């Protein structure tokens, strides 16, 4: 079973370090993540995406982030933690046979794990929807895209 794979650029050391820390803190360091980086190309409305391919020929797990977040993290002080945790929950779901077929993977098992993380660290708000910060960023991206199309 495979999840559609967009091309993740080469490994990103800063993202890898953040993901490994979150993996250790919230998943006991048990998640296998082979590639962590920024996507080569991805929809302007996608913030992050967990990916996997488990077949006879390949066993691979990846976590990709929209490259605009690299800019946002540095220039707009955007914290990637909630986005990374959201995607790590999807990898946890797959690796523990807890996939939710409802709500695009955001059903019972996703919500259960998100609640466990938020109980441990109430400062994080993880949901199936974009966080307030992500929603603001998506609006900014849409505005930039619209302005570009209008030649502004």
Protein backbone atom coordinates (compact mmCIF):
# COMPACT_ATOMS: atom_id res chain seq x y z
CA UNK A 1 0.00 0.00 0.00
CA UNK A 2 1.41 3.39 -0.93
CA UNK A 3 0.44 6.94 -0.27
CA UNK A 4 0.93 9.28 -3.22
CA UNK A 5 4.48 10.51 -3.12
CA UNK A 6 5.46 14.02 -4.09
CA UNK A 7 9.16 14.48 -4.53
CA UNK A 8 10.79 15.41 -1.24
CA UNK A 9 13.96 17.39 -1.72
CA UNK A 10 17.09 16.05 -0.14
CA UNK A 11 17.08 15.49 3.58
CA UNK A 12 16.87 18.66 5.66
CA UNK A 13 18.99 18.55 8.83
CA UNK A 14 16.94 21.12 10.77
CA UNK A 15 13.65 19.35 10.06
CA UNK A 16 15.23 15.97 10.81
CA UNK A 17 16.45 17.20 14.19
CA UNK A 18 13.00 18.58 15.07
CA UNK A 19 11.25 15.37 13.93
CA UNK A 20 13.63 13.13 15.87
CA UNK A 21 13.06 15.17 19.03
CA UNK A 22 9.27 14.95 18.61
CA UNK A 23 9.51 11.24 17.80
CA UNK A 24 11.43 10.63 21.02
CA UNK A 25 9.16 12.83 23.17
CA UNK A 26 5.73 11.76 21.91
CA UNK A 27 6.25 8.39 20.22
CA UNK A 28 9.02 6.86 22.36
CA UNK A 29 11.46 7.15 19.45
CA UNK A 30 9.73 4.18 17.82
CA UNK A 31 8.70 5.76 14.52
CA UNK A 32 10.77 5.00 11.47
CA UNK A 33 11.10 8.02 9.21
CA UNK A 34 13.49 7.56 6.30
CA UNK A 35 13.26 10.98 4.68
CA UNK A 36 12.43 14.38 6.17
CA UNK A 37 12.56 17.44 3.98
CA UNK A 38 10.80 20.07 1.92
CA UNK A 39 8.77 19.08 -1.14
CA UNK A 40 10.06 19.80 -4.61
CA UNK A 41 6.55 20.70 -5.75
CA UNK A 42 3.32 20.61 -3.80
CA UNK A 43 -0.08 22.28 -3.78
CA UNK A 44 -0.15 25.74 -2.26
CA UNK A 45 -2.86 24.51 0.10
CA UNK A 46 -0.86 21.58 1.51
CA UNK A 47 1.16 22.40 4.60
CA UNK A 48 2.70 18.99 5.19
CA UNK A 49 2.27 15.37 4.21
CA UNK A 50 3.23 11.99 5.62
CA UNK A 51 4.10 9.44 2.96
CA UNK A 52 4.84 5.75 2.83
CA UNK A 53 5.38 2.94 0.42
CA UNK A 54 5.24 -0.59 1.71
CA UNK A 55 5.66 -3.16 -1.00
CA UNK A 56 7.72 -6.13 -2.04
CA UNK A 57 10.34 -3.79 -3.48
CA UNK A 58 10.33 -0.89 -1.07
CA UNK A 59 9.64 -0.12 2.55
CA UNK A 60 9.85 3.64 2.99
CA UNK A 61 8.43 6.40 5.20
CA UNK A 62 8.75 10.11 4.59
CA UNK A 63 7.58 13.40 5.99
CA UNK A 64 7.50 16.41 3.71
CA UNK A 65 6.75 20.06 4.38
CA UNK A 66 5.69 22.79 1.96
CA UNK A 67 8.88 24.77 1.16
CA UNK A 68 7.09 28.06 1.87
CA UNK A 69 7.22 27.06 5.54
CA UNK A 70 10.99 27.32 5.47
CA UNK A 71 10.53 31.01 4.70
CA UNK A 72 7.63 31.34 7.14
CA UNK A 73 9.56 29.71 9.97
CA UNK A 74 12.46 32.13 9.59
CA UNK A 75 10.78 35.35 8.47
CA UNK A 76 7.35 35.09 10.12
CA UNK A 77 8.39 33.18 13.26
CA UNK A 78 6.06 30.33 12.26
CA UNK A 79 6.40 27.31 14.56
CA UNK A 80 6.38 24.05 12.62
CA UNK A 81 5.85 21.83 15.66
CA UNK A 82 2.09 21.29 15.33
CA UNK A 83 2.44 20.59 11.62
CA UNK A 84 5.21 18.05 12.25
CA UNK A 85 3.23 16.38 15.05
CA UNK A 86 0.17 16.14 12.79
CA UNK A 87 2.18 14.35 10.10
CA UNK A 88 3.97 12.14 12.64
CA UNK A 89 0.58 10.94 13.86
CA UNK A 90 -0.17 9.74 10.31
CA UNK A 91 3.13 7.81 10.22
CA UNK A 92 2.31 6.37 13.66
CA UNK A 93 -1.10 5.31 12.34
CA UNK A 94 0.40 3.45 9.41
CA UNK A 95 3.23 1.82 11.35
CA UNK A 96 0.81 0.64 14.05
CA UNK A 97 -2.01 -0.50 11.76
CA UNK A 98 -4.28 2.28 13.03
CA UNK A 99 -5.30 3.87 9.73
CA UNK A 100 -8.62 5.68 9.77
CA UNK A 101 -10.59 5.21 6.59
CA UNK A 102 -12.90 8.04 7.50
CA UNK A 103 -12.16 11.75 7.31
CA UNK A 104 -9.06 11.25 5.16
CA UNK A 105 -7.16 9.56 7.98
CA UNK A 106 -8.40 11.95 10.67
CA UNK A 107 -10.83 9.70 12.53
CA UNK A 108 -10.80 7.86 15.85
CA UNK A 109 -7.14 6.81 15.92
CA UNK A 110 -5.84 10.16 14.74
CA UNK A 111 -7.90 11.99 17.36
CA UNK A 112 -6.90 9.56 20.13
CA UNK A 113 -3.19 10.08 19.48
CA UNK A 114 -3.61 13.85 19.08
CA UNK A 115 -5.40 14.00 22.46
CA UNK A 116 -2.58 12.03 24.13
CA UNK A 117 -0.03 14.50 22.80
CA UNK A 118 -2.11 17.53 23.83
CA UNK A 119 -2.60 16.11 27.34
CA UNK A 120 1.17 15.80 27.65
CA UNK A 121 1.78 19.25 26.13
CA UNK A 122 -1.34 21.46 26.28
CA UNK A 123 0.44 24.26 24.39
CA UNK A 124 0.01 22.27 21.17
CA UNK A 125 -3.31 22.18 19.36
CA UNK A 126 -3.45 19.32 16.88
CA UNK A 127 -6.57 18.77 14.82
CA UNK A 128 -7.57 17.36 11.46
CA UNK A 129 -7.93 20.93 10.27
CA UNK A 130 -5.28 23.58 9.77
CA UNK A 131 -4.27 25.32 12.98
CA UNK A 132 -5.02 29.04 13.28
CA UNK A 133 -1.41 29.82 12.36
CA UNK A 134 -1.54 27.46 9.35
CA UNK A 135 -4.87 28.96 8.25
CA UNK A 136 -3.39 32.47 8.35
CA UNK A 137 -0.40 31.25 6.39
CA UNK A 138 -2.64 29.59 3.78
CA UNK A 139 -4.57 32.86 3.38
CA UNK A 140 -1.28 34.70 2.91
CA UNK A 141 -0.18 32.14 0.29
CA UNK A 142 -3.47 32.51 -1.58
CA UNK A 143 -3.08 36.29 -1.55
CA UNK A 144 0.50 36.06 -2.86
CA UNK A 145 -0.66 33.64 -5.59
CA UNK A 146 -3.58 35.88 -6.55
CA UNK A 147 -1.38 38.98 -6.62
CA UNK A 148 1.10 37.14 -8.85
CA UNK A 149 -1.65 36.08 -11.24
CA UNK A 150 -3.00 39.65 -11.37
CA UNK A 151 0.49 40.99 -12.06
CA UNK A 152 0.65 42.99 -8.83
